[in-house]
Amino acid sequence: MAFLPTKIPENLKKFIRPASVIFGVVMLFLMLNSFSLTSRMSNDTQAGLFAVGSHVQTIYKKMFSSKTEIIDEGNHYKYLVTNQTLNEVRLFEAEKKVNELQNLLNYKASQPYKTITADIIARSVAGESSILIDQGAEEGLRAGLPVVVGDGYIIGTIISTQPHRSTVRLLRDSNSSIPSALLNGKKVMGLVSGLDSFLLFMDYIPQSEEVGSQMIVVTSGLDKNIPSGLVIGIIDSVVENATAPFKQAYVDPVIDVFDYRSVLILDPQAEIYAE
């Protein structure tokens, strides 16, 4: 059975046409409002993102600006610490120099013969066996004179001079030999030589003499250029050999010449004069 389309009454057609127009206008209005709302939301979103970005950028700039300031301040304090350290080192060296010179002056005042103060200006590299001082022949120095530090510790003898320079051979040099004696109440004689090391070697000690560690070794005065009583060091150990003609011993010089910058040269053959 076939269905035939129903015929719309005329009065209903009159109602549908205006309603369709109104519906279309309403839909168009809603679409336009929706687009405007979306646009406003988009603009608001962009504005919000821009504000957030600006805030992050500000924080970033402040953070790195603060970091730069911290680095600069750190470098400033490093400079202050370094400068303070250098000042402390200079002060320490100055005090050491003053004490050193004071000891030399005190010792100088107690000596009955000519003395000359000098500064160490160079040290030998090979074997550390010699030093160069800033006084020479023009100041009255000559080969053979003893060189002391502190309160009368002999460190070597002059071996050559220039007008205003002198070379000092240290006791540790294997070519050095100093007539010596033990302060054991009997002034036992011997000869102290260098070993190219920190320790020295004392030979020609009579077998009959008692020798022990910690005994003080001094110059004997048998060398006319070297007065007696200059401290060489103390006995470190004794070499025991009953069949040998003499006893032998190792001597600890106690002081290290490289701890000093100033020395005193003694001349027992010259008359005292005011420097």
C-alpha atoms as a PDB file:
ATOM      1  CA  MET A   1       0.000   0.000   0.000  1.00  0.00           C
ATOM      2  CA  ALA A   2       1.604   3.223  -1.093  1.00  0.00           C
ATOM      3  CA  PHE A   3       1.683   6.340   1.052  1.00  0.00           C
ATOM      4  CA  LEU A   4       1.029   9.631  -0.572  1.00  0.00           C
ATOM      5  CA  PRO A   5       2.643  12.804   0.794  1.00  0.00           C
ATOM      6  CA  THR A   6       0.390  14.670   3.108  1.00  0.00           C
ATOM      7  CA  LYS A   7      -0.596  18.028   1.838  1.00  0.00           C
ATOM      8  CA  ILE A   8       0.357  20.854   4.231  1.00  0.00           C
ATOM      9  CA  PRO A   9      -2.491  23.154   4.927  1.00  0.00           C
ATOM     10  CA  GLU A  10      -2.123  26.735   3.749  1.00  0.00           C
ATOM     11  CA  ASN A  11      -2.548  28.234   7.213  1.00  0.00           C
ATOM     12  CA  LEU A  12       0.394  26.037   8.497  1.00  0.00           C
ATOM     13  CA  LYS A  13       2.607  27.168   5.612  1.00  0.00           C
ATOM     14  CA  LYS A  14       2.024  30.761   6.661  1.00  0.00           C
ATOM     15  CA  PHE A  15       3.370  29.919  10.144  1.00  0.00           C
ATOM     16  CA  ILE A  16       6.420  27.829   9.076  1.00  0.00           C
ATOM     17  CA  ARG A  17       7.951  30.429   6.728  1.00  0.00           C
ATOM     18  CA  PRO A  18       8.357  33.212   9.359  1.00  0.00           C
ATOM     19  CA  ALA A  19       9.458  30.684  11.970  1.00  0.00           C
ATOM     20  CA  SER A  20      12.226  29.415   9.685  1.00  0.00           C
ATOM     21  CA  VAL A  21      13.449  32.949   9.106  1.00  0.00           C
ATOM     22  CA  ILE A  22      13.445  33.677  12.824  1.00  0.00           C
ATOM     23  CA  PHE A  23      15.297  30.400  13.542  1.00  0.00           C
ATOM     24  CA  GLY A  24      17.959  31.261  10.962  1.00  0.00           C
ATOM     25  CA  VAL A  25      18.448  34.724  12.411  1.00  0.00           C
ATOM     26  CA  VAL A  26      18.771  33.272  15.912  1.00  0.00           C
ATOM     27  CA  MET A  27      21.345  30.686  14.771  1.00  0.00           C
ATOM     28  CA  LEU A  28      23.339  33.366  12.962  1.00  0.00           C
ATOM     29  CA  PHE A  29      23.285  35.542  16.092  1.00  0.00           C
ATOM     30  CA  LEU A  30      24.454  32.633  18.233  1.00  0.00           C
ATOM     31  CA  MET A  31      27.264  31.838  15.787  1.00  0.00           C
ATOM     32  CA  LEU A  32      28.445  35.458  15.751  1.00  0.00           C
ATOM     33  CA  ASN A  33      28.377  35.649  19.561  1.00  0.00           C
ATOM     34  CA  SER A  34      30.256  32.360  19.807  1.00  0.00           C
ATOM     35  CA  PHE A  35      33.019  33.671  17.486  1.00  0.00           C
ATOM     36  CA  SER A  36      33.258  36.896  19.477  1.00  0.00           C
ATOM     37  CA  LEU A  37      33.514  34.959  22.765  1.00  0.00           C
ATOM     38  CA  THR A  38      36.194  32.694  21.325  1.00  0.00           C
ATOM     39  CA  SER A  39      38.095  35.716  20.089  1.00  0.00           C
ATOM     40  CA  ARG A  40      37.842  37.373  23.491  1.00  0.00           C
ATOM     41  CA  MET A  41      38.990  34.164  25.207  1.00  0.00           C
ATOM     42  CA  SER A  42      41.910  33.906  22.783  1.00  0.00           C
ATOM     43  CA  ASN A  43      42.910  37.500  23.484  1.00  0.00           C
ATOM     44  CA  ASP A  44      42.613  36.937  27.221  1.00  0.00           C
ATOM     45  CA  THR A  45      44.737  33.795  26.951  1.00  0.00           C
ATOM     46  CA  GLN A  46      47.401  35.601  24.938  1.00  0.00           C
ATOM     47  CA  ALA A  47      47.437  38.439  27.431  1.00  0.00           C
ATOM     48  CA  GLY A  48      47.810  35.964  30.299  1.00  0.00           C
ATOM     49  CA  LEU A  49      50.630  34.093  28.592  1.00  0.00           C
ATOM     50  CA  PHE A  50      52.375  37.384  27.819  1.00  0.00           C
ATOM     51  CA  ALA A  51      52.109  38.423  31.469  1.00  0.00           C
ATOM     52  CA  VAL A  52      53.496  35.061  32.651  1.00  0.00           C
ATOM     53  CA  GLY A  53      56.340  35.271  30.125  1.00  0.00           C
ATOM     54  CA  SER A  54      57.205  38.789  31.229  1.00  0.00           C
ATOM     55  CA  HIS A  55      57.278  37.668  34.873  1.00  0.00           C
ATOM     56  CA  VAL A  56      59.532  34.686  34.080  1.00  0.00           C
ATOM     57  CA  GLN A  57      61.855  36.937  32.082  1.00  0.00           C
ATOM     58  CA  THR A  58      62.048  39.367  35.005  1.00  0.00           C
ATOM     59  CA  ILE A  59      62.907  36.532  37.415  1.00  0.00           C
ATOM     60  CA  TYR A  60      65.490  35.180  34.946  1.00  0.00           C
ATOM     61  CA  LYS A  61      67.152  38.570  34.643  1.00  0.00           C
ATOM     62  CA  LYS A  62      67.183  39.055  38.405  1.00  0.00           C
ATOM     63  CA  MET A  63      68.538  35.557  38.943  1.00  0.00           C
ATOM     64  CA  PHE A  64      71.458  35.982  36.557  1.00  0.00           C
ATOM     65  CA  SER A  65      72.043  39.536  37.708  1.00  0.00           C
ATOM     66  CA  SER A  66      72.262  38.229  41.282  1.00  0.00           C
ATOM     67  CA  LYS A  67      74.580  35.441  40.132  1.00  0.00           C
ATOM     68  CA  THR A  68      76.905  37.964  38.495  1.00  0.00           C
ATOM     69  CA  GLU A  69      76.863  40.085  41.639  1.00  0.00           C
ATOM     70  CA  ILE A  70      77.643  37.013  43.756  1.00  0.00           C
ATOM     71  CA  ILE A  71      80.562  36.078  41.481  1.00  0.00           C
ATOM     72  CA  ASP A  72      81.895  39.644  41.592  1.00  0.00           C
ATOM     73  CA  GLU A  73      81.553  39.743  45.359  1.00  0.00           C
ATOM     74  CA  GLY A  74      83.244  36.345  45.645  1.00  0.00           C
ATOM     75  CA  ASN A  75      86.146  37.535  43.506  1.00  0.00           C
ATOM     76  CA  HIS A  76      86.402  40.648  45.671  1.00  0.00           C
ATOM     77  CA  TYR A  77      86.662  38.584  48.849  1.00  0.00           C
ATOM     78  CA  LYS A  78      89.181  36.260  47.196  1.00  0.00           C
ATOM     79  CA  TYR A  79      91.284  39.320  46.405  1.00  0.00           C
ATOM     80  CA  LEU A  80      90.996  40.524  50.002  1.00  0.00           C
ATOM     81  CA  VAL A  81      91.989  37.100  51.359  1.00  0.00           C
ATOM     82  CA  THR A  82      94.931  36.835  48.944  1.00  0.00           C
ATOM     83  CA  ASN A  83      96.059  40.355  49.786  1.00  0.00           C
ATOM     84  CA  GLN A  84      95.745  39.627  53.505  1.00  0.00           C
ATOM     85  CA  THR A  85      97.768  36.422  53.086  1.00  0.00           C
ATOM     86  CA  LEU A  86     100.506  38.284  51.220  1.00  0.00           C
ATOM     87  CA  ASN A  87     100.590  40.935  53.926  1.00  0.00           C
ATOM     88  CA  GLU A  88     100.886  38.266  56.609  1.00  0.00           C
ATOM     89  CA  VAL A  89     103.731  36.582  54.695  1.00  0.00           C
ATOM     90  CA  ARG A  90     105.520  39.925  54.302  1.00  0.00           C
ATOM     91  CA  LEU A  91     105.039  40.658  57.994  1.00  0.00           C
ATOM     92  CA  PHE A  92     106.329  37.204  58.951  1.00  0.00           C
ATOM     93  CA  GLU A  93     109.397  37.616  56.724  1.00  0.00           C
ATOM     94  CA  ALA A  94     110.032  41.115  58.077  1.00  0.00           C
ATOM     95  CA  GLU A  95     109.810  39.907  61.682  1.00  0.00           C
ATOM     96  CA  LYS A  96     112.083  36.983  60.860  1.00  0.00           C
ATOM     97  CA  LYS A  97     114.595  39.348  59.263  1.00  0.00           C
ATOM     98  CA  VAL A  98     114.518  41.682  62.275  1.00  0.00           C
ATOM     99  CA  ASN A  99     115.038  38.801  64.728  1.00  0.00           C
ATOM    100  CA  GLU A 100     117.828  37.409  62.577  1.00  0.00           C
ATOM    101  CA  LEU A 101     119.639  40.741  62.427  1.00  0.00           C
ATOM    102  CA  GLN A 102     119.103  41.317  66.145  1.00  0.00           C
ATOM    103  CA  ASN A 103     120.755  37.979  66.948  1.00  0.00           C
ATOM    104  CA  LEU A 104     123.666  38.824  64.663  1.00  0.00           C
ATOM    105  CA  LEU A 105     124.064  42.265  66.232  1.00  0.00           C
ATOM    106  CA  ASN A 106     124.016  40.764  69.725  1.00  0.00           C
ATOM    107  CA  TYR A 107     126.639  38.225  68.723  1.00  0.00           C
ATOM    108  CA  LYS A 108     128.650  40.891  66.893  1.00  0.00           C
ATOM    109  CA  ALA A 109     128.728  43.061  70.024  1.00  0.00           C
ATOM    110  CA  SER A 110     130.213  40.175  72.021  1.00  0.00           C
ATOM    111  CA  GLN A 111     133.134  39.575  69.653  1.00  0.00           C
ATOM    112  CA  PRO A 112     136.612  41.033  70.257  1.00  0.00           C
ATOM    113  CA  TYR A 113     137.502  41.150  66.566  1.00  0.00           C
ATOM    114  CA  LYS A 114     136.322  42.612  63.287  1.00  0.00           C
ATOM    115  CA  THR A 115     132.968  41.450  61.937  1.00  0.00           C
ATOM    116  CA  ILE A 116     131.117  42.268  58.721  1.00  0.00           C
ATOM    117  CA  THR A 117     127.401  41.748  58.119  1.00  0.00           C
ATOM    118  CA  ALA A 118     126.280  40.494  54.693  1.00  0.00           C
ATOM    119  CA  ASP A 119     123.139  39.267  52.957  1.00  0.00           C
ATOM    120  CA  ILE A 120     122.843  35.998  51.061  1.00  0.00           C
ATOM    121  CA  ILE A 121     122.008  36.883  47.454  1.00  0.00           C
ATOM    122  CA  ALA A 122     122.287  33.480  45.742  1.00  0.00           C
ATOM    123  CA  ARG A 123     122.534  29.776  46.480  1.00  0.00           C
ATOM    124  CA  SER A 124     124.138  27.057  44.415  1.00  0.00           C
ATOM    125  CA  VAL A 125     121.793  24.507  42.866  1.00  0.00           C
ATOM    126  CA  ALA A 126     124.122  21.520  42.501  1.00  0.00           C
ATOM    127  CA  GLY A 127     124.529  19.921  45.918  1.00  0.00           C
ATOM    128  CA  GLU A 128     123.590  23.139  47.721  1.00  0.00           C
ATOM    129  CA  SER A 129     127.264  23.431  48.660  1.00  0.00           C
ATOM    130  CA  SER A 130     127.861  27.189  48.380  1.00  0.00           C
ATOM    131  CA  ILE A 131     126.228  30.597  48.694  1.00  0.00           C
ATOM    132  CA  LEU A 132     126.972  34.065  47.341  1.00  0.00           C
ATOM    133  CA  ILE A 133     126.994  37.087  49.672  1.00  0.00           C
ATOM    134  CA  ASP A 134     126.866  40.808  48.902  1.00  0.00           C
ATOM    135  CA  GLN A 135     130.191  41.817  50.532  1.00  0.00           C
ATOM    136  CA  GLY A 136     133.632  41.350  49.017  1.00  0.00           C
ATOM    137  CA  ALA A 137     137.273  42.399  48.903  1.00  0.00           C
ATOM    138  CA  GLU A 138     136.430  46.101  48.967  1.00  0.00           C
ATOM    139  CA  GLU A 139     134.716  45.547  52.330  1.00  0.00           C
ATOM    140  CA  GLY A 140     137.775  43.712  53.708  1.00  0.00           C
ATOM    141  CA  LEU A 141     136.794  40.085  53.054  1.00  0.00           C
ATOM    142  CA  ARG A 142     139.278  37.419  51.971  1.00  0.00           C
ATOM    143  CA  ALA A 143     139.416  33.663  51.437  1.00  0.00           C
ATOM    144  CA  GLY A 144     139.466  31.521  54.568  1.00  0.00           C
ATOM    145  CA  LEU A 145     137.325  33.733  56.814  1.00  0.00           C
ATOM    146  CA  PRO A 146     134.501  31.967  58.692  1.00  0.00           C
ATOM    147  CA  VAL A 147     130.838  32.781  58.083  1.00  0.00           C
ATOM    148  CA  VAL A 148     128.341  32.420  60.927  1.00  0.00           C
ATOM    149  CA  VAL A 149     124.605  32.832  61.581  1.00  0.00           C
ATOM    150  CA  GLY A 150     122.504  33.235  64.698  1.00  0.00           C
ATOM    151  CA  ASP A 151     124.426  33.114  67.956  1.00  0.00           C
ATOM    152  CA  GLY A 152     127.667  31.893  66.443  1.00  0.00           C
ATOM    153  CA  TYR A 153     126.848  28.814  64.340  1.00  0.00           C
ATOM    154  CA  ILE A 154     129.505  28.449  61.667  1.00  0.00           C
ATOM    155  CA  ILE A 155     128.070  27.533  58.259  1.00  0.00           C
ATOM    156  CA  GLY A 156     131.174  27.708  56.063  1.00  0.00           C
ATOM    157  CA  THR A 157     134.194  29.705  54.946  1.00  0.00           C
ATOM    158  CA  ILE A 158     134.885  32.181  52.146  1.00  0.00           C
ATOM    159  CA  ILE A 159     136.699  30.572  49.209  1.00  0.00           C
ATOM    160  CA  SER A 160     136.816  33.483  46.721  1.00  0.00           C
ATOM    161  CA  THR A 161     136.081  37.203  46.581  1.00  0.00           C
ATOM    162  CA  GLN A 162     135.144  39.869  44.063  1.00  0.00           C
ATOM    163  CA  PRO A 163     135.084  43.621  44.753  1.00  0.00           C
ATOM    164  CA  HIS A 164     131.586  43.443  46.278  1.00  0.00           C
ATOM    165  CA  ARG A 165     130.748  39.724  46.199  1.00  0.00           C
ATOM    166  CA  SER A 166     132.095  36.619  47.920  1.00  0.00           C
ATOM    167  CA  THR A 167     131.517  32.886  47.523  1.00  0.00           C
ATOM    168  CA  VAL A 168     131.083  30.852  50.694  1.00  0.00           C
ATOM    169  CA  ARG A 169     131.753  27.112  50.758  1.00  0.00           C
ATOM    170  CA  LEU A 170     129.315  25.477  53.149  1.00  0.00           C
ATOM    171  CA  LEU A 171     130.356  22.887  55.740  1.00  0.00           C
ATOM    172  CA  ARG A 172     128.291  20.233  53.947  1.00  0.00           C
ATOM    173  CA  ASP A 173     130.550  20.468  50.861  1.00  0.00           C
ATOM    174  CA  SER A 174     132.780  17.387  50.581  1.00  0.00           C
ATOM    175  CA  ASN A 175     135.755  19.706  49.980  1.00  0.00           C
ATOM    176  CA  SER A 176     135.191  21.449  53.314  1.00  0.00           C
ATOM    177  CA  SER A 177     137.210  20.552  56.421  1.00  0.00           C
ATOM    178  CA  ILE A 178     137.273  22.429  59.733  1.00  0.00           C
ATOM    179  CA  PRO A 179     139.559  21.752  62.730  1.00  0.00           C
ATOM    180  CA  SER A 180     137.134  20.884  65.525  1.00  0.00           C
ATOM    181  CA  ALA A 181     136.829  19.887  69.134  1.00  0.00           C
ATOM    182  CA  LEU A 182     134.365  18.174  71.465  1.00  0.00           C
ATOM    183  CA  LEU A 183     133.084  20.095  74.457  1.00  0.00           C
ATOM    184  CA  ASN A 184     133.398  17.230  76.923  1.00  0.00           C
ATOM    185  CA  GLY A 185     135.497  19.036  79.493  1.00  0.00           C
ATOM    186  CA  LYS A 186     138.764  18.013  77.836  1.00  0.00           C
ATOM    187  CA  LYS A 187     138.350  19.685  74.406  1.00  0.00           C
ATOM    188  CA  VAL A 188     139.074  16.572  72.343  1.00  0.00           C
ATOM    189  CA  MET A 189     140.382  17.492  68.892  1.00  0.00           C
ATOM    190  CA  GLY A 190     139.218  16.211  65.522  1.00  0.00           C
ATOM    191  CA  LEU A 191     138.431  17.291  61.962  1.00  0.00           C
ATOM    192  CA  VAL A 192     134.916  17.859  60.600  1.00  0.00           C
ATOM    193  CA  SER A 193     134.349  17.353  56.864  1.00  0.00           C
ATOM    194  CA  GLY A 194     131.346  17.614  54.576  1.00  0.00           C
ATOM    195  CA  LEU A 195     129.537  14.662  53.007  1.00  0.00           C
ATOM    196  CA  ASP A 196     127.472  16.536  50.413  1.00  0.00           C
ATOM    197  CA  SER A 197     124.499  15.827  52.656  1.00  0.00           C
ATOM    198  CA  PHE A 198     122.899  17.312  55.739  1.00  0.00           C
ATOM    199  CA  LEU A 199     125.124  15.365  58.159  1.00  0.00           C
ATOM    200  CA  LEU A 200     128.824  16.108  58.636  1.00  0.00           C
ATOM    201  CA  PHE A 201     131.634  13.666  59.484  1.00  0.00           C
ATOM    202  CA  MET A 202     134.126  14.013  62.342  1.00  0.00           C
ATOM    203  CA  ASP A 203     137.370  12.061  62.085  1.00  0.00           C
ATOM    204  CA  TYR A 204     140.679  11.730  63.945  1.00  0.00           C
ATOM    205  CA  ILE A 205     139.125  11.432  67.397  1.00  0.00           C
ATOM    206  CA  PRO A 206     141.563   9.596  69.699  1.00  0.00           C
ATOM    207  CA  GLN A 207     140.391   6.063  70.565  1.00  0.00           C
ATOM    208  CA  SER A 208     141.006   6.751  74.229  1.00  0.00           C
ATOM    209  CA  GLU A 209     138.391   9.500  74.347  1.00  0.00           C
ATOM    210  CA  GLU A 210     134.777   8.965  75.328  1.00  0.00           C
ATOM    211  CA  VAL A 211     132.431  10.147  72.598  1.00  0.00           C
ATOM    212  CA  GLY A 212     128.646  10.051  72.819  1.00  0.00           C
ATOM    213  CA  SER A 213     125.597  11.373  71.012  1.00  0.00           C
ATOM    214  CA  GLN A 214     124.415  14.921  71.745  1.00  0.00           C
ATOM    215  CA  MET A 215     127.958  16.115  72.538  1.00  0.00           C
ATOM    216  CA  ILE A 216     128.579  19.604  71.180  1.00  0.00           C
ATOM    217  CA  VAL A 217     131.149  20.038  68.411  1.00  0.00           C
ATOM    218  CA  VAL A 218     132.871  23.418  68.018  1.00  0.00           C
ATOM    219  CA  THR A 219     135.787  24.909  66.109  1.00  0.00           C
ATOM    220  CA  SER A 220     139.117  24.190  67.784  1.00  0.00           C
ATOM    221  CA  GLY A 221     140.978  27.385  66.869  1.00  0.00           C
ATOM    222  CA  LEU A 222     143.832  25.535  65.148  1.00  0.00           C
ATOM    223  CA  ASP A 223     143.055  27.437  61.936  1.00  0.00           C
ATOM    224  CA  LYS A 224     144.352  30.997  62.421  1.00  0.00           C
ATOM    225  CA  ASN A 225     141.437  32.419  60.399  1.00  0.00           C
ATOM    226  CA  ILE A 226     138.763  30.599  62.409  1.00  0.00           C
ATOM    227  CA  PRO A 227     138.400  31.431  66.108  1.00  0.00           C
ATOM    228  CA  SER A 228     137.673  28.683  68.609  1.00  0.00           C
ATOM    229  CA  GLY A 229     134.242  28.052  70.080  1.00  0.00           C
ATOM    230  CA  LEU A 230     132.078  28.491  66.971  1.00  0.00           C
ATOM    231  CA  VAL A 231     129.317  25.877  67.118  1.00  0.00           C
ATOM    232  CA  ILE A 232     129.444  23.276  64.336  1.00  0.00           C
ATOM    233  CA  GLY A 233     126.745  20.907  65.608  1.00  0.00           C
ATOM    234  CA  ILE A 234     126.139  17.941  67.892  1.00  0.00           C
ATOM    235  CA  ILE A 235     127.196  14.291  67.667  1.00  0.00           C
ATOM    236  CA  ASP A 236     124.489  12.271  65.924  1.00  0.00           C
ATOM    237  CA  SER A 237     126.099   8.825  66.127  1.00  0.00           C
ATOM    238  CA  VAL A 238     129.520   7.272  66.739  1.00  0.00           C
ATOM    239  CA  VAL A 239     131.266   4.821  64.395  1.00  0.00           C
ATOM    240  CA  GLU A 240     132.706   2.089  66.620  1.00  0.00           C
ATOM    241  CA  ASN A 241     135.797   0.278  65.297  1.00  0.00           C
ATOM    242  CA  ALA A 242     138.261  -0.898  67.934  1.00  0.00           C
ATOM    243  CA  THR A 243     140.940  -1.750  65.361  1.00  0.00           C
ATOM    244  CA  ALA A 244     140.884   1.689  63.694  1.00  0.00           C
ATOM    245  CA  PRO A 245     143.479   4.233  64.836  1.00  0.00           C
ATOM    246  CA  PHE A 246     140.801   6.883  65.461  1.00  0.00           C
ATOM    247  CA  LYS A 247     137.158   7.118  66.368  1.00  0.00           C
ATOM    248  CA  GLN A 248     134.707   8.660  63.951  1.00  0.00           C
ATOM    249  CA  ALA A 249     131.289  10.232  64.345  1.00  0.00           C
ATOM    250  CA  TYR A 250     128.469  11.768  62.353  1.00  0.00           C
ATOM    251  CA  VAL A 251     127.639  15.362  63.256  1.00  0.00           C
ATOM    252  CA  ASP A 252     124.243  17.034  62.988  1.00  0.00           C
ATOM    253  CA  PRO A 253     124.775  20.749  62.192  1.00  0.00           C
ATOM    254  CA  VAL A 254     121.465  21.535  63.966  1.00  0.00           C
ATOM    255  CA  ILE A 255     120.742  24.659  61.889  1.00  0.00           C
ATOM    256  CA  ASP A 256     119.908  24.874  58.185  1.00  0.00           C
ATOM    257  CA  VAL A 257     121.713  27.690  56.383  1.00  0.00           C
ATOM    258  CA  PHE A 258     118.816  28.035  53.956  1.00  0.00           C
ATOM    259  CA  ASP A 259     116.625  29.273  56.804  1.00  0.00           C
ATOM    260  CA  TYR A 260     118.756  32.418  56.968  1.00  0.00           C
ATOM    261  CA  ARG A 261     119.154  35.499  54.805  1.00  0.00           C
ATOM    262  CA  SER A 262     121.871  37.379  56.667  1.00  0.00           C
ATOM    263  CA  VAL A 263     125.298  36.225  57.849  1.00  0.00           C
ATOM    264  CA  LEU A 264     128.244  37.553  59.821  1.00  0.00           C
ATOM    265  CA  ILE A 265     131.845  37.227  58.654  1.00  0.00           C
ATOM    266  CA  LEU A 266     134.521  37.074  61.343  1.00  0.00           C
ATOM    267  CA  ASP A 267     138.128  38.245  60.938  1.00  0.00           C
ATOM    268  CA  PRO A 268     140.182  37.402  64.033  1.00  0.00           C
ATOM    269  CA  GLN A 269     143.344  38.736  62.346  1.00  0.00           C
ATOM    270  CA  ALA A 270     142.022  42.283  61.909  1.00  0.00           C
ATOM    271  CA  GLU A 271     141.660  44.978  64.515  1.00  0.00           C
ATOM    272  CA  ILE A 272     138.187  46.037  65.572  1.00  0.00           C
ATOM    273  CA  TYR A 273     136.907  49.119  63.832  1.00  0.00           C
ATOM    274  CA  ALA A 274     133.604  50.905  63.594  1.00  0.00           C
ATOM    275  CA  GLU A 275     131.628  49.922  60.495  1.00  0.00           C
END
